[in-house]
């Protein structure tokens, strides 16, 4: 694994949603480092990659309420455990559960294992509310997938809050997770 600055020189064989992520980041002037790797579907596999990247490991969960009328993307530190009641209470929603792969693809153009904050660029109708663990905002860098789990990015957290969120038109809702 080797770290590269910016988009790959050759995008042949890469999915359009990955290329769209690079286009988006480049268009808003965000510098990012990239590392290509084998598919990662578990946080344990991401730990080595994120250590190499030198970024806060983010676990990203796609959630909804029971009635499937409210959808959420939760960015949280990887070492923390998700507690439905804790998050539900903070957002004032009925008990949260995991969203379906179909809703994930329909709303964010993502598939399980590739859930990433970058998918919010595809949510033009702002159907998905962004919840972010306040501890992620304390790190200098965070790591995420560019909408596909064979590549990981390192981006400055300051760019996330000052450039990426405003360009996506998604205001983050900070949550506290023990």
N, C-alpha and C. Protein backbone atom coordinates (compact mmCIF):
# COMPACT_ATOMS: atom_id res chain seq x y z
N UNK A 1 0.84 -1.18 0.00
CA UNK A 1 0.00 0.00 0.00
C UNK A 1 0.88 1.24 0.00
N UNK A 2 0.55 2.15 -0.87
CA UNK A 2 1.29 3.41 -0.88
C UNK A 2 0.31 4.57 -0.96
N UNK A 3 0.68 5.66 -0.32
CA UNK A 3 -0.17 6.84 -0.26
C UNK A 3 0.15 7.75 -1.44
N UNK A 4 -0.90 8.25 -2.07
CA UNK A 4 -0.75 9.17 -3.20
C UNK A 4 -1.55 10.43 -2.91
N UNK A 5 -1.06 11.54 -3.42
CA UNK A 5 -1.77 12.79 -3.30
C UNK A 5 -2.78 12.91 -4.43
N UNK A 6 -4.06 13.12 -4.09
CA UNK A 6 -5.09 13.37 -5.08
C UNK A 6 -5.59 12.16 -5.83
N UNK A 7 -6.30 12.45 -6.91
CA UNK A 7 -6.96 11.42 -7.71
C UNK A 7 -5.94 10.53 -8.42
N UNK A 8 -6.34 9.31 -8.78
CA UNK A 8 -5.45 8.45 -9.56
C UNK A 8 -5.24 9.03 -10.96
N UNK A 9 -4.05 8.85 -11.49
CA UNK A 9 -3.77 9.34 -12.84
C UNK A 9 -4.62 8.61 -13.88
N UNK A 10 -4.81 7.32 -13.68
CA UNK A 10 -5.60 6.51 -14.59
C UNK A 10 -6.87 6.07 -13.86
N UNK A 11 -8.02 6.48 -14.34
CA UNK A 11 -9.28 6.12 -13.69
C UNK A 11 -9.99 4.95 -14.38
N UNK A 12 -9.32 4.34 -15.35
CA UNK A 12 -9.91 3.20 -16.04
C UNK A 12 -10.19 2.08 -15.05
N UNK A 13 -11.39 1.51 -15.11
CA UNK A 13 -11.78 0.43 -14.23
C UNK A 13 -12.36 0.88 -12.90
N UNK A 14 -12.39 2.18 -12.66
CA UNK A 14 -12.95 2.70 -11.41
C UNK A 14 -14.41 3.07 -11.63
N UNK A 15 -15.20 2.92 -10.60
CA UNK A 15 -16.62 3.23 -10.69
C UNK A 15 -16.85 4.73 -10.84
N UNK A 16 -17.92 5.08 -11.53
CA UNK A 16 -18.26 6.48 -11.74
C UNK A 16 -18.45 7.23 -10.43
N UNK A 17 -19.05 6.57 -9.42
CA UNK A 17 -19.26 7.27 -8.14
C UNK A 17 -17.94 7.59 -7.45
N UNK A 18 -16.92 6.80 -7.66
CA UNK A 18 -15.59 7.11 -7.10
C UNK A 18 -15.01 8.33 -7.83
N UNK A 19 -15.09 8.32 -9.14
CA UNK A 19 -14.57 9.44 -9.94
C UNK A 19 -15.32 10.72 -9.59
N UNK A 20 -16.65 10.61 -9.39
CA UNK A 20 -17.46 11.75 -8.99
C UNK A 20 -16.98 12.34 -7.66
N UNK A 21 -16.53 11.47 -6.76
CA UNK A 21 -16.01 11.94 -5.47
C UNK A 21 -14.76 12.79 -5.69
N UNK A 22 -13.85 12.32 -6.54
CA UNK A 22 -12.63 13.09 -6.82
C UNK A 22 -12.99 14.41 -7.50
N UNK A 23 -13.92 14.37 -8.44
CA UNK A 23 -14.36 15.60 -9.12
C UNK A 23 -14.92 16.59 -8.11
N UNK A 24 -15.73 16.10 -7.19
CA UNK A 24 -16.33 16.96 -6.17
C UNK A 24 -15.25 17.59 -5.29
N UNK A 25 -14.34 16.78 -4.75
CA UNK A 25 -13.29 17.30 -3.87
C UNK A 25 -12.40 18.29 -4.60
N UNK A 26 -12.03 17.97 -5.83
CA UNK A 26 -11.19 18.88 -6.62
C UNK A 26 -11.91 20.19 -6.90
N UNK A 27 -13.22 20.12 -7.17
CA UNK A 27 -13.97 21.33 -7.51
C UNK A 27 -14.10 22.31 -6.36
N UNK A 28 -14.00 21.82 -5.12
CA UNK A 28 -14.12 22.72 -3.97
C UNK A 28 -12.76 22.99 -3.30
N UNK A 29 -11.70 22.54 -3.96
CA UNK A 29 -10.35 22.85 -3.49
C UNK A 29 -9.91 22.11 -2.25
N UNK A 30 -10.34 20.87 -2.10
CA UNK A 30 -9.94 20.05 -0.95
C UNK A 30 -8.78 19.16 -1.34
N UNK A 31 -7.70 19.26 -0.57
CA UNK A 31 -6.55 18.37 -0.79
C UNK A 31 -6.81 17.07 -0.03
N UNK A 32 -6.48 15.95 -0.66
CA UNK A 32 -6.69 14.65 -0.03
C UNK A 32 -5.58 13.70 -0.45
N UNK A 33 -5.34 12.74 0.43
CA UNK A 33 -4.40 11.67 0.15
C UNK A 33 -5.21 10.39 0.00
N UNK A 34 -4.72 9.53 -0.88
CA UNK A 34 -5.46 8.34 -1.27
C UNK A 34 -4.59 7.11 -1.13
N UNK A 35 -5.22 6.02 -0.70
CA UNK A 35 -4.54 4.73 -0.66
C UNK A 35 -5.50 3.68 -1.22
N UNK A 36 -5.03 2.92 -2.20
CA UNK A 36 -5.82 1.84 -2.80
C UNK A 36 -5.50 0.55 -2.06
N UNK A 37 -6.50 -0.32 -1.91
CA UNK A 37 -6.33 -1.55 -1.13
C UNK A 37 -7.39 -2.57 -1.52
N UNK A 38 -7.30 -3.72 -0.95
CA UNK A 38 -8.32 -4.76 -1.16
C UNK A 38 -9.64 -4.29 -0.56
N UNK A 39 -10.77 -4.82 -1.00
CA UNK A 39 -12.05 -4.42 -0.42
C UNK A 39 -12.07 -4.60 1.10
N UNK A 40 -12.64 -3.62 1.78
CA UNK A 40 -12.75 -3.70 3.23
C UNK A 40 -14.22 -3.66 3.61
N UNK A 41 -14.66 -4.69 4.31
CA UNK A 41 -16.06 -4.76 4.76
C UNK A 41 -16.16 -4.73 6.27
N UNK A 42 -15.05 -4.78 6.96
CA UNK A 42 -15.04 -4.80 8.43
C UNK A 42 -14.10 -3.72 8.93
N UNK A 43 -14.41 -3.18 10.09
CA UNK A 43 -13.59 -2.12 10.68
C UNK A 43 -12.18 -2.61 11.00
N UNK A 44 -12.03 -3.89 11.31
CA UNK A 44 -10.71 -4.43 11.62
C UNK A 44 -9.76 -4.28 10.43
N UNK A 45 -10.30 -4.50 9.23
CA UNK A 45 -9.48 -4.36 8.02
C UNK A 45 -9.12 -2.90 7.77
N UNK A 46 -10.02 -2.01 8.16
CA UNK A 46 -9.77 -0.57 7.96
C UNK A 46 -8.70 -0.04 8.91
N UNK A 47 -8.53 -0.67 10.05
CA UNK A 47 -7.59 -0.17 11.06
C UNK A 47 -6.17 -0.03 10.52
N UNK A 48 -5.69 -1.04 9.82
CA UNK A 48 -4.34 -0.99 9.26
C UNK A 48 -4.23 0.10 8.19
N UNK A 49 -5.24 0.21 7.36
CA UNK A 49 -5.25 1.22 6.30
C UNK A 49 -5.25 2.62 6.90
N UNK A 50 -6.11 2.84 7.87
CA UNK A 50 -6.20 4.17 8.47
C UNK A 50 -4.96 4.51 9.29
N UNK A 51 -4.31 3.50 9.85
CA UNK A 51 -3.04 3.75 10.55
C UNK A 51 -2.00 4.24 9.54
N UNK A 52 -1.98 3.62 8.37
CA UNK A 52 -1.07 4.02 7.30
C UNK A 52 -1.39 5.44 6.82
N UNK A 53 -2.68 5.76 6.75
CA UNK A 53 -3.11 7.09 6.32
C UNK A 53 -2.85 8.16 7.38
N UNK A 54 -2.82 7.77 8.66
CA UNK A 54 -2.65 8.74 9.73
C UNK A 54 -3.90 9.58 9.94
N UNK A 55 -5.06 8.92 9.97
CA UNK A 55 -6.33 9.62 10.08
C UNK A 55 -7.21 8.98 11.14
N UNK A 56 -8.16 9.74 11.66
CA UNK A 56 -9.15 9.21 12.59
C UNK A 56 -10.02 8.22 11.84
N UNK A 57 -10.11 7.01 12.37
CA UNK A 57 -10.92 5.97 11.74
C UNK A 57 -12.39 6.28 11.98
N UNK A 58 -13.15 6.35 10.92
CA UNK A 58 -14.58 6.61 11.02
C UNK A 58 -15.38 5.36 10.69
N UNK A 59 -16.33 5.07 11.56
CA UNK A 59 -17.33 4.04 11.28
C UNK A 59 -18.55 4.81 10.79
N UNK A 60 -19.11 4.41 9.68
CA UNK A 60 -20.25 5.11 9.10
C UNK A 60 -21.44 4.17 9.06
N UNK A 61 -22.53 4.59 9.69
CA UNK A 61 -23.72 3.76 9.77
C UNK A 61 -24.90 4.48 9.12
N UNK A 62 -25.64 3.75 8.30
CA UNK A 62 -26.83 4.28 7.66
C UNK A 62 -28.03 3.81 8.47
N UNK A 63 -28.77 4.77 9.02
CA UNK A 63 -29.84 4.48 9.95
C UNK A 63 -31.16 5.09 9.50
N UNK A 64 -32.24 4.59 10.06
CA UNK A 64 -33.56 5.18 9.82
C UNK A 64 -34.44 4.94 11.03
N UNK A 65 -35.56 5.66 11.09
CA UNK A 65 -36.53 5.39 12.15
C UNK A 65 -37.39 4.21 11.71
N UNK A 66 -38.22 3.74 12.62
CA UNK A 66 -39.05 2.56 12.31
C UNK A 66 -39.95 2.77 11.10
N UNK A 67 -40.48 3.97 10.98
CA UNK A 67 -41.40 4.25 9.89
C UNK A 67 -40.73 4.54 8.56
N UNK A 68 -39.41 4.57 8.56
CA UNK A 68 -38.63 4.88 7.35
C UNK A 68 -39.01 6.24 6.77
N UNK A 69 -39.29 7.19 7.67
CA UNK A 69 -39.58 8.54 7.23
C UNK A 69 -38.41 9.47 7.47
N UNK A 70 -37.48 9.05 8.31
CA UNK A 70 -36.27 9.83 8.59
C UNK A 70 -35.05 8.93 8.42
N UNK A 71 -34.04 9.45 7.72
CA UNK A 71 -32.82 8.69 7.46
C UNK A 71 -31.63 9.47 8.00
N UNK A 72 -30.63 8.74 8.46
CA UNK A 72 -29.46 9.35 9.09
C UNK A 72 -28.18 8.65 8.62
N UNK A 73 -27.13 9.43 8.50
CA UNK A 73 -25.79 8.88 8.32
C UNK A 73 -25.02 9.26 9.57
N UNK A 74 -24.58 8.27 10.32
CA UNK A 74 -23.84 8.49 11.55
C UNK A 74 -22.36 8.23 11.31
N UNK A 75 -21.54 9.26 11.49
CA UNK A 75 -20.07 9.13 11.46
C UNK A 75 -19.62 9.05 12.91
N UNK A 76 -18.94 7.97 13.25
CA UNK A 76 -18.49 7.81 14.63
C UNK A 76 -17.09 7.19 14.66
N UNK A 77 -16.41 7.39 15.79
CA UNK A 77 -15.08 6.80 15.96
C UNK A 77 -15.22 5.28 15.96
N UNK A 78 -14.28 4.63 15.31
CA UNK A 78 -14.36 3.18 15.10
C UNK A 78 -14.34 2.38 16.39
N UNK A 79 -13.65 2.87 17.40
CA UNK A 79 -13.52 2.10 18.64
C UNK A 79 -14.75 2.19 19.53
N UNK A 80 -15.70 3.04 19.18
CA UNK A 80 -16.90 3.21 19.98
C UNK A 80 -18.00 2.26 19.53
N UNK A 81 -18.89 1.96 20.48
CA UNK A 81 -20.02 1.08 20.19
C UNK A 81 -21.27 1.90 19.91
N UNK A 82 -22.03 1.48 18.94
CA UNK A 82 -23.28 2.14 18.60
C UNK A 82 -24.36 1.70 19.58
N UNK A 83 -25.00 2.67 20.24
CA UNK A 83 -26.10 2.40 21.16
C UNK A 83 -27.33 3.11 20.62
N UNK A 84 -28.26 2.34 20.12
CA UNK A 84 -29.45 2.89 19.48
C UNK A 84 -30.15 3.91 20.36
N UNK A 85 -30.39 3.56 21.60
CA UNK A 85 -31.14 4.45 22.49
C UNK A 85 -30.44 5.78 22.68
N UNK A 86 -29.12 5.75 22.86
CA UNK A 86 -28.33 6.97 23.06
C UNK A 86 -28.52 7.93 21.90
N UNK A 87 -28.36 7.44 20.69
CA UNK A 87 -28.48 8.30 19.50
C UNK A 87 -29.94 8.71 19.29
N UNK A 88 -30.87 7.78 19.45
CA UNK A 88 -32.28 8.10 19.28
C UNK A 88 -32.70 9.24 20.19
N UNK A 89 -32.28 9.19 21.44
CA UNK A 89 -32.61 10.25 22.40
C UNK A 89 -32.04 11.60 21.96
N UNK A 90 -30.81 11.59 21.46
CA UNK A 90 -30.16 12.85 21.08
C UNK A 90 -30.80 13.50 19.86
N UNK A 91 -31.32 12.70 18.95
CA UNK A 91 -31.92 13.27 17.74
C UNK A 91 -33.43 13.39 17.84
N UNK A 92 -34.00 12.94 18.96
CA UNK A 92 -35.43 13.05 19.16
C UNK A 92 -36.23 12.21 18.20
N UNK A 93 -35.76 11.02 17.92
CA UNK A 93 -36.41 10.13 16.97
C UNK A 93 -36.83 8.85 17.68
N UNK A 94 -37.81 8.19 17.09
CA UNK A 94 -38.16 6.87 17.60
C UNK A 94 -36.96 5.96 17.44
N UNK A 95 -37.04 4.81 17.99
CA UNK A 95 -35.92 3.87 17.95
C UNK A 95 -35.35 3.75 16.56
N UNK A 96 -34.05 3.96 16.46
CA UNK A 96 -33.37 3.88 15.17
C UNK A 96 -32.97 2.44 14.87
N UNK A 97 -32.93 2.12 13.59
CA UNK A 97 -32.45 0.82 13.15
C UNK A 97 -31.62 1.04 11.88
N UNK A 98 -30.99 0.00 11.42
CA UNK A 98 -30.19 0.11 10.22
C UNK A 98 -31.09 0.22 8.99
N UNK A 99 -30.72 1.13 8.09
CA UNK A 99 -31.45 1.29 6.85
C UNK A 99 -31.17 0.12 5.92
N UNK A 100 -32.03 -0.07 4.97
CA UNK A 100 -31.87 -1.19 4.04
C UNK A 100 -30.85 -0.87 2.95
N UNK A 101 -30.24 -1.89 2.37
CA UNK A 101 -29.32 -1.64 1.25
C UNK A 101 -30.01 -0.90 0.10
N UNK A 102 -31.29 -1.17 -0.11
CA UNK A 102 -32.03 -0.51 -1.18
C UNK A 102 -32.16 0.99 -0.91
N UNK A 103 -32.48 1.36 0.33
CA UNK A 103 -32.58 2.78 0.68
C UNK A 103 -31.22 3.45 0.63
N UNK A 104 -30.19 2.74 1.05
CA UNK A 104 -28.83 3.26 1.00
C UNK A 104 -28.43 3.61 -0.43
N UNK A 105 -28.73 2.70 -1.35
CA UNK A 105 -28.39 2.94 -2.75
C UNK A 105 -29.27 4.03 -3.37
N UNK A 106 -30.55 4.02 -3.05
CA UNK A 106 -31.49 5.00 -3.61
C UNK A 106 -31.16 6.42 -3.13
N UNK A 107 -30.82 6.58 -1.86
CA UNK A 107 -30.62 7.92 -1.30
C UNK A 107 -29.19 8.44 -1.43
N UNK A 108 -28.19 7.53 -1.33
CA UNK A 108 -26.79 7.98 -1.31
C UNK A 108 -25.93 7.37 -2.41
N UNK A 109 -26.48 6.49 -3.23
CA UNK A 109 -25.72 5.79 -4.27
C UNK A 109 -24.54 5.04 -3.68
N UNK A 110 -24.80 4.38 -2.54
CA UNK A 110 -23.77 3.59 -1.85
C UNK A 110 -24.26 2.17 -1.66
N UNK A 111 -23.30 1.27 -1.42
CA UNK A 111 -23.61 -0.12 -1.12
C UNK A 111 -23.04 -0.46 0.25
N UNK A 112 -23.60 -1.47 0.94
CA UNK A 112 -23.05 -1.85 2.24
C UNK A 112 -21.54 -2.13 2.13
N UNK A 113 -20.81 -1.69 3.14
CA UNK A 113 -19.36 -1.85 3.13
C UNK A 113 -18.64 -0.64 2.55
N UNK A 114 -19.38 0.20 1.84
CA UNK A 114 -18.80 1.40 1.23
C UNK A 114 -19.44 2.69 1.77
N UNK A 115 -20.14 2.58 2.89
CA UNK A 115 -20.84 3.74 3.44
C UNK A 115 -19.81 4.79 3.83
N UNK A 116 -20.06 6.02 3.39
CA UNK A 116 -19.12 7.10 3.57
C UNK A 116 -19.84 8.44 3.58
N UNK A 117 -19.29 9.38 4.31
CA UNK A 117 -19.83 10.74 4.30
C UNK A 117 -19.85 11.30 2.88
N UNK A 118 -18.98 10.84 2.02
CA UNK A 118 -18.94 11.34 0.65
C UNK A 118 -20.23 11.01 -0.12
N UNK A 119 -20.97 10.02 0.32
CA UNK A 119 -22.24 9.69 -0.32
C UNK A 119 -23.27 10.81 -0.21
N UNK A 120 -23.09 11.70 0.77
CA UNK A 120 -24.04 12.81 0.92
C UNK A 120 -24.02 13.76 -0.27
N UNK A 121 -22.95 13.73 -1.07
CA UNK A 121 -22.93 14.58 -2.27
C UNK A 121 -24.01 14.13 -3.26
N UNK A 122 -24.49 12.88 -3.11
CA UNK A 122 -25.53 12.35 -3.99
C UNK A 122 -26.94 12.60 -3.47
N UNK A 123 -27.04 13.14 -2.26
CA UNK A 123 -28.34 13.39 -1.63
C UNK A 123 -28.77 14.83 -1.91
N UNK A 124 -29.19 15.07 -3.11
CA UNK A 124 -29.55 16.43 -3.56
C UNK A 124 -30.82 16.95 -2.87
N UNK A 125 -31.67 16.05 -2.39
CA UNK A 125 -32.92 16.46 -1.75
C UNK A 125 -32.78 16.56 -0.23
N UNK A 126 -31.58 16.34 0.30
CA UNK A 126 -31.32 16.40 1.75
C UNK A 126 -32.27 15.52 2.55
N UNK A 127 -32.43 14.30 2.08
CA UNK A 127 -33.28 13.33 2.79
C UNK A 127 -32.55 12.68 3.95
N UNK A 128 -31.21 12.71 3.93
CA UNK A 128 -30.42 12.05 4.96
C UNK A 128 -29.78 13.10 5.86
N UNK A 129 -30.04 12.97 7.16
CA UNK A 129 -29.47 13.90 8.13
C UNK A 129 -28.12 13.35 8.60
N UNK A 130 -27.12 14.22 8.65
CA UNK A 130 -25.77 13.82 9.06
C UNK A 130 -25.60 13.96 10.56
N UNK A 131 -25.28 12.86 11.22
CA UNK A 131 -24.95 12.84 12.64
C UNK A 131 -23.46 12.56 12.75
N UNK A 132 -22.75 13.35 13.55
CA UNK A 132 -21.31 13.16 13.65
C UNK A 132 -20.87 13.13 15.10
N UNK A 133 -20.14 12.10 15.44
CA UNK A 133 -19.55 11.96 16.77
C UNK A 133 -18.65 13.17 17.01
N UNK A 134 -18.90 13.89 18.08
CA UNK A 134 -18.14 15.11 18.35
C UNK A 134 -16.63 14.86 18.44
N UNK A 135 -16.22 13.65 18.78
CA UNK A 135 -14.78 13.34 18.86
C UNK A 135 -14.11 13.33 17.50
N UNK A 136 -14.85 13.05 16.44
CA UNK A 136 -14.26 13.09 15.09
C UNK A 136 -13.83 14.50 14.76
N UNK A 137 -14.60 15.46 15.20
CA UNK A 137 -14.31 16.87 14.91
C UNK A 137 -13.05 17.36 15.63
N UNK A 138 -12.58 16.61 16.62
CA UNK A 138 -11.38 17.00 17.38
C UNK A 138 -10.08 16.59 16.70
N UNK A 139 -10.14 15.64 15.77
CA UNK A 139 -8.94 15.16 15.09
C UNK A 139 -8.51 16.08 13.96
N UNK A 140 -7.22 16.06 13.64
CA UNK A 140 -6.73 16.89 12.54
C UNK A 140 -7.19 16.35 11.18
N UNK A 141 -7.22 15.02 11.07
CA UNK A 141 -7.62 14.36 9.83
C UNK A 141 -8.68 13.32 10.13
N UNK A 142 -9.46 12.98 9.11
CA UNK A 142 -10.37 11.85 9.20
C UNK A 142 -10.20 11.02 7.94
N UNK A 143 -10.58 9.77 8.02
CA UNK A 143 -10.48 8.87 6.88
C UNK A 143 -11.85 8.43 6.42
N UNK A 144 -12.01 8.30 5.10
CA UNK A 144 -13.29 7.83 4.55
C UNK A 144 -13.04 7.17 3.20
N UNK A 145 -14.05 6.46 2.73
CA UNK A 145 -14.01 5.88 1.39
C UNK A 145 -14.55 6.89 0.38
N UNK A 146 -14.07 6.86 -0.85
CA UNK A 146 -14.65 7.70 -1.90
C UNK A 146 -15.83 6.97 -2.57
N UNK A 147 -16.77 6.53 -1.75
CA UNK A 147 -17.98 5.82 -2.19
C UNK A 147 -17.72 4.41 -2.69
N UNK A 148 -16.53 3.88 -2.44
CA UNK A 148 -16.19 2.51 -2.80
C UNK A 148 -15.15 2.01 -1.78
N UNK A 149 -15.24 0.75 -1.38
CA UNK A 149 -14.40 0.26 -0.29
C UNK A 149 -13.07 -0.34 -0.73
N UNK A 150 -12.58 0.05 -1.90
CA UNK A 150 -11.25 -0.39 -2.35
C UNK A 150 -10.25 0.76 -2.34
N UNK A 151 -10.67 1.89 -1.81
CA UNK A 151 -9.83 3.07 -1.70
C UNK A 151 -10.23 3.81 -0.43
N UNK A 152 -9.24 4.40 0.23
CA UNK A 152 -9.51 5.24 1.40
C UNK A 152 -8.82 6.57 1.22
N UNK A 153 -9.43 7.61 1.79
CA UNK A 153 -8.91 8.97 1.69
C UNK A 153 -8.59 9.53 3.06
N UNK A 154 -7.60 10.40 3.11
CA UNK A 154 -7.31 11.20 4.31
C UNK A 154 -7.56 12.65 3.94
N UNK A 155 -8.40 13.29 4.73
CA UNK A 155 -8.81 14.67 4.48
C UNK A 155 -8.72 15.43 5.80
N UNK A 156 -8.35 16.69 5.73
CA UNK A 156 -8.32 17.52 6.94
C UNK A 156 -9.74 17.69 7.47
N UNK A 157 -9.90 17.55 8.76
CA UNK A 157 -11.20 17.72 9.39
C UNK A 157 -11.71 19.14 9.17
N UNK A 158 -10.82 20.10 9.15
CA UNK A 158 -11.21 21.49 8.90
C UNK A 158 -11.84 21.64 7.51
N UNK A 159 -11.31 20.92 6.52
CA UNK A 159 -11.90 20.95 5.18
C UNK A 159 -13.29 20.31 5.18
N UNK A 160 -13.45 19.29 6.02
CA UNK A 160 -14.76 18.64 6.14
C UNK A 160 -15.81 19.65 6.60
N UNK A 161 -15.48 20.38 7.65
CA UNK A 161 -16.47 21.29 8.23
C UNK A 161 -16.62 22.60 7.46
N UNK A 162 -15.54 23.10 6.86
CA UNK A 162 -15.60 24.41 6.22
C UNK A 162 -15.83 24.37 4.71
N UNK A 163 -15.55 23.24 4.08
CA UNK A 163 -15.71 23.15 2.63
C UNK A 163 -16.69 22.06 2.19
N UNK A 164 -16.48 20.85 2.70
CA UNK A 164 -17.26 19.70 2.23
C UNK A 164 -18.72 19.79 2.65
N UNK A 165 -18.99 19.95 3.95
CA UNK A 165 -20.38 20.03 4.40
C UNK A 165 -21.14 21.16 3.72
N UNK A 166 -20.58 22.38 3.68
CA UNK A 166 -21.33 23.45 2.99
C UNK A 166 -21.59 23.15 1.51
N UNK A 167 -20.61 22.55 0.82
CA UNK A 167 -20.80 22.24 -0.60
C UNK A 167 -21.84 21.14 -0.81
N UNK A 168 -21.99 20.26 0.17
CA UNK A 168 -22.99 19.19 0.09
C UNK A 168 -24.36 19.68 0.56
N UNK A 169 -24.39 20.85 1.17
CA UNK A 169 -25.62 21.40 1.74
C UNK A 169 -26.19 20.51 2.83
N UNK A 170 -25.28 19.95 3.63
CA UNK A 170 -25.67 19.13 4.77
C UNK A 170 -25.02 19.71 6.03
N UNK A 171 -25.85 20.13 6.96
CA UNK A 171 -25.38 20.65 8.22
C UNK A 171 -25.24 19.49 9.20
N UNK A 172 -24.05 19.28 9.76
CA UNK A 172 -23.88 18.16 10.68
C UNK A 172 -24.56 18.42 12.02
N UNK A 173 -25.05 17.35 12.62
CA UNK A 173 -25.64 17.39 13.95
C UNK A 173 -24.69 16.62 14.86
N UNK A 174 -23.93 17.31 15.72
CA UNK A 174 -22.99 16.62 16.60
C UNK A 174 -23.72 15.78 17.65
N UNK A 175 -23.21 14.59 17.88
CA UNK A 175 -23.76 13.70 18.91
C UNK A 175 -22.63 13.27 19.83
N UNK A 176 -23.01 12.93 21.06
CA UNK A 176 -22.03 12.46 22.04
C UNK A 176 -22.18 10.94 22.16
N UNK A 177 -21.08 10.23 21.95
CA UNK A 177 -21.06 8.79 22.05
C UNK A 177 -19.97 8.41 23.04
N UNK A 178 -20.35 7.68 24.11
CA UNK A 178 -19.36 7.27 25.11
C UNK A 178 -18.46 6.20 24.58
